[in-house]
Amino acid sequence: MHSAIVLGGAFSLLLACTLLGHAWGLGVAAGAKVFIGLWLLGAALNMWIGVQRAGYTVAQEAPIFLGMFGLPAAVAALIVWKWPS
């Protein structure tokens, strides 16, 4: 359930970034690029919490990090590719 909530947050952030990029006249691709950086930090924070508070090892959290970061980042990369600025 936690993973679904985190992914929901990621896609909400992606939507917000692309809408703001469009609203500010920078384009949705610029917003998606900003999202990738922000989401790298967010996914890293999620991994850190998993290691520090939930008691998982870095090796246990690494595949989760790849999925939590990779799926939304791949969608953002698709947006950048499909709608370049």
C-alpha atoms as a PDB file:
ATOM      1  CA  MET A   1       0.000   0.000   0.000  1.00  0.00           C
ATOM      2  CA  HIS A   2       2.857   2.366   0.806  1.00  0.00           C
ATOM      3  CA  SER A   3       4.284   1.948  -2.699  1.00  0.00           C
ATOM      4  CA  ALA A   4       0.932   2.838  -4.284  1.00  0.00           C
ATOM      5  CA  ILE A   5       0.703   5.983  -2.169  1.00  0.00           C
ATOM      6  CA  VAL A   6       4.259   7.012  -3.061  1.00  0.00           C
ATOM      7  CA  LEU A   7       3.633   6.418  -6.775  1.00  0.00           C
ATOM      8  CA  GLY A   8       0.396   8.389  -6.542  1.00  0.00           C
ATOM      9  CA  GLY A   9       2.351  11.246  -5.024  1.00  0.00           C
ATOM     10  CA  ALA A  10       4.942  10.993  -7.772  1.00  0.00           C
ATOM     11  CA  PHE A  11       2.385  11.209 -10.551  1.00  0.00           C
ATOM     12  CA  SER A  12       0.619  14.080  -8.775  1.00  0.00           C
ATOM     13  CA  LEU A  13       3.933  15.929  -8.606  1.00  0.00           C
ATOM     14  CA  LEU A  14       4.546  15.185 -12.297  1.00  0.00           C
ATOM     15  CA  LEU A  15       1.141  16.603 -13.171  1.00  0.00           C
ATOM     16  CA  ALA A  16       1.790  19.721 -11.092  1.00  0.00           C
ATOM     17  CA  CYS A  17       5.226  20.265 -12.646  1.00  0.00           C
ATOM     18  CA  THR A  18       3.980  19.870 -16.213  1.00  0.00           C
ATOM     19  CA  LEU A  19       0.992  22.149 -15.608  1.00  0.00           C
ATOM     20  CA  LEU A  20       3.212  24.804 -14.046  1.00  0.00           C
ATOM     21  CA  GLY A  21       5.694  24.515 -16.896  1.00  0.00           C
ATOM     22  CA  HIS A  22       2.874  25.043 -19.368  1.00  0.00           C
ATOM     23  CA  ALA A  23       1.308  27.887 -17.347  1.00  0.00           C
ATOM     24  CA  TRP A  24       4.616  29.739 -17.055  1.00  0.00           C
ATOM     25  CA  GLY A  25       5.236  29.413 -20.788  1.00  0.00           C
ATOM     26  CA  LEU A  26       8.210  27.093 -20.426  1.00  0.00           C
ATOM     27  CA  GLY A  27       6.449  24.057 -21.875  1.00  0.00           C
ATOM     28  CA  VAL A  28       5.436  20.745 -20.405  1.00  0.00           C
ATOM     29  CA  ALA A  29       8.856  19.257 -21.226  1.00  0.00           C
ATOM     30  CA  ALA A  30      10.578  21.799 -18.979  1.00  0.00           C
ATOM     31  CA  GLY A  31       8.192  20.915 -16.171  1.00  0.00           C
ATOM     32  CA  ALA A  32       8.869  17.213 -16.700  1.00  0.00           C
ATOM     33  CA  LYS A  33      12.623  17.837 -16.539  1.00  0.00           C
ATOM     34  CA  VAL A  34      12.214  19.693 -13.243  1.00  0.00           C
ATOM     35  CA  PHE A  35      10.091  16.807 -11.972  1.00  0.00           C
ATOM     36  CA  ILE A  36      12.870  14.283 -12.645  1.00  0.00           C
ATOM     37  CA  GLY A  37      15.247  16.183 -10.369  1.00  0.00           C
ATOM     38  CA  LEU A  38      12.638  16.713  -7.677  1.00  0.00           C
ATOM     39  CA  TRP A  39      11.532  13.104  -7.817  1.00  0.00           C
ATOM     40  CA  LEU A  40      15.107  11.829  -7.556  1.00  0.00           C
ATOM     41  CA  LEU A  41      15.285  13.665  -4.234  1.00  0.00           C
ATOM     42  CA  GLY A  42      11.849  12.383  -3.185  1.00  0.00           C
ATOM     43  CA  ALA A  43      12.636   8.770  -4.042  1.00  0.00           C
ATOM     44  CA  ALA A  44      15.993   9.033  -2.270  1.00  0.00           C
ATOM     45  CA  LEU A  45      14.215  10.394   0.813  1.00  0.00           C
ATOM     46  CA  ASN A  46      11.778   7.471   0.664  1.00  0.00           C
ATOM     47  CA  MET A  47      14.724   5.068   0.503  1.00  0.00           C
ATOM     48  CA  TRP A  48      16.466   6.790   3.415  1.00  0.00           C
ATOM     49  CA  ILE A  49      13.306   6.507   5.521  1.00  0.00           C
ATOM     50  CA  GLY A  50      13.076   2.814   4.647  1.00  0.00           C
ATOM     51  CA  VAL A  51      16.645   2.250   5.792  1.00  0.00           C
ATOM     52  CA  GLN A  52      16.637   4.491   8.870  1.00  0.00           C
ATOM     53  CA  ARG A  53      13.158   3.986  10.264  1.00  0.00           C
ATOM     54  CA  ALA A  54      11.748   0.787   8.793  1.00  0.00           C
ATOM     55  CA  GLY A  55      14.934  -1.177   9.389  1.00  0.00           C
ATOM     56  CA  TYR A  56      15.608  -2.351   5.836  1.00  0.00           C
ATOM     57  CA  THR A  57      19.132  -2.568   4.450  1.00  0.00           C
ATOM     58  CA  VAL A  58      20.291  -0.497   1.493  1.00  0.00           C
ATOM     59  CA  ALA A  59      20.431  -3.707  -0.562  1.00  0.00           C
ATOM     60  CA  GLN A  60      16.788  -4.418   0.287  1.00  0.00           C
ATOM     61  CA  GLU A  61      15.676  -0.876  -0.492  1.00  0.00           C
ATOM     62  CA  ALA A  62      17.654  -0.444  -3.743  1.00  0.00           C
ATOM     63  CA  PRO A  63      15.239  -2.386  -6.004  1.00  0.00           C
ATOM     64  CA  ILE A  64      12.304  -0.526  -4.461  1.00  0.00           C
ATOM     65  CA  PHE A  65      14.097   2.770  -5.110  1.00  0.00           C
ATOM     66  CA  LEU A  66      14.644   1.818  -8.748  1.00  0.00           C
ATOM     67  CA  GLY A  67      10.947   1.130  -9.210  1.00  0.00           C
ATOM     68  CA  MET A  68       9.775   4.143  -7.245  1.00  0.00           C
ATOM     69  CA  PHE A  69      12.087   6.459  -9.170  1.00  0.00           C
ATOM     70  CA  GLY A  70      12.214   4.652 -12.500  1.00  0.00           C
ATOM     71  CA  LEU A  71       8.534   4.354 -13.379  1.00  0.00           C
ATOM     72  CA  PRO A  72       7.580   8.028 -12.882  1.00  0.00           C
ATOM     73  CA  ALA A  73      10.898   9.179 -14.380  1.00  0.00           C
ATOM     74  CA  ALA A  74      10.254   7.030 -17.463  1.00  0.00           C
ATOM     75  CA  VAL A  75       6.838   8.652 -17.898  1.00  0.00           C
ATOM     76  CA  ALA A  76       8.463  12.085 -17.512  1.00  0.00           C
ATOM     77  CA  ALA A  77      11.114  11.142 -20.089  1.00  0.00           C
ATOM     78  CA  LEU A  78       8.337  10.068 -22.449  1.00  0.00           C
ATOM     79  CA  ILE A  79       6.698  13.476 -22.002  1.00  0.00           C
ATOM     80  CA  VAL A  80      10.005  15.219 -22.760  1.00  0.00           C
ATOM     81  CA  TRP A  81      10.455  13.084 -25.865  1.00  0.00           C
ATOM     82  CA  LYS A  82       6.866  13.455 -27.095  1.00  0.00           C
ATOM     83  CA  TRP A  83       6.436  17.180 -26.376  1.00  0.00           C
ATOM     84  CA  PRO A  84       9.871  18.813 -26.566  1.00  0.00           C
ATOM     85  CA  SER A  85      10.149  22.480 -25.572  1.00  0.00           C
END
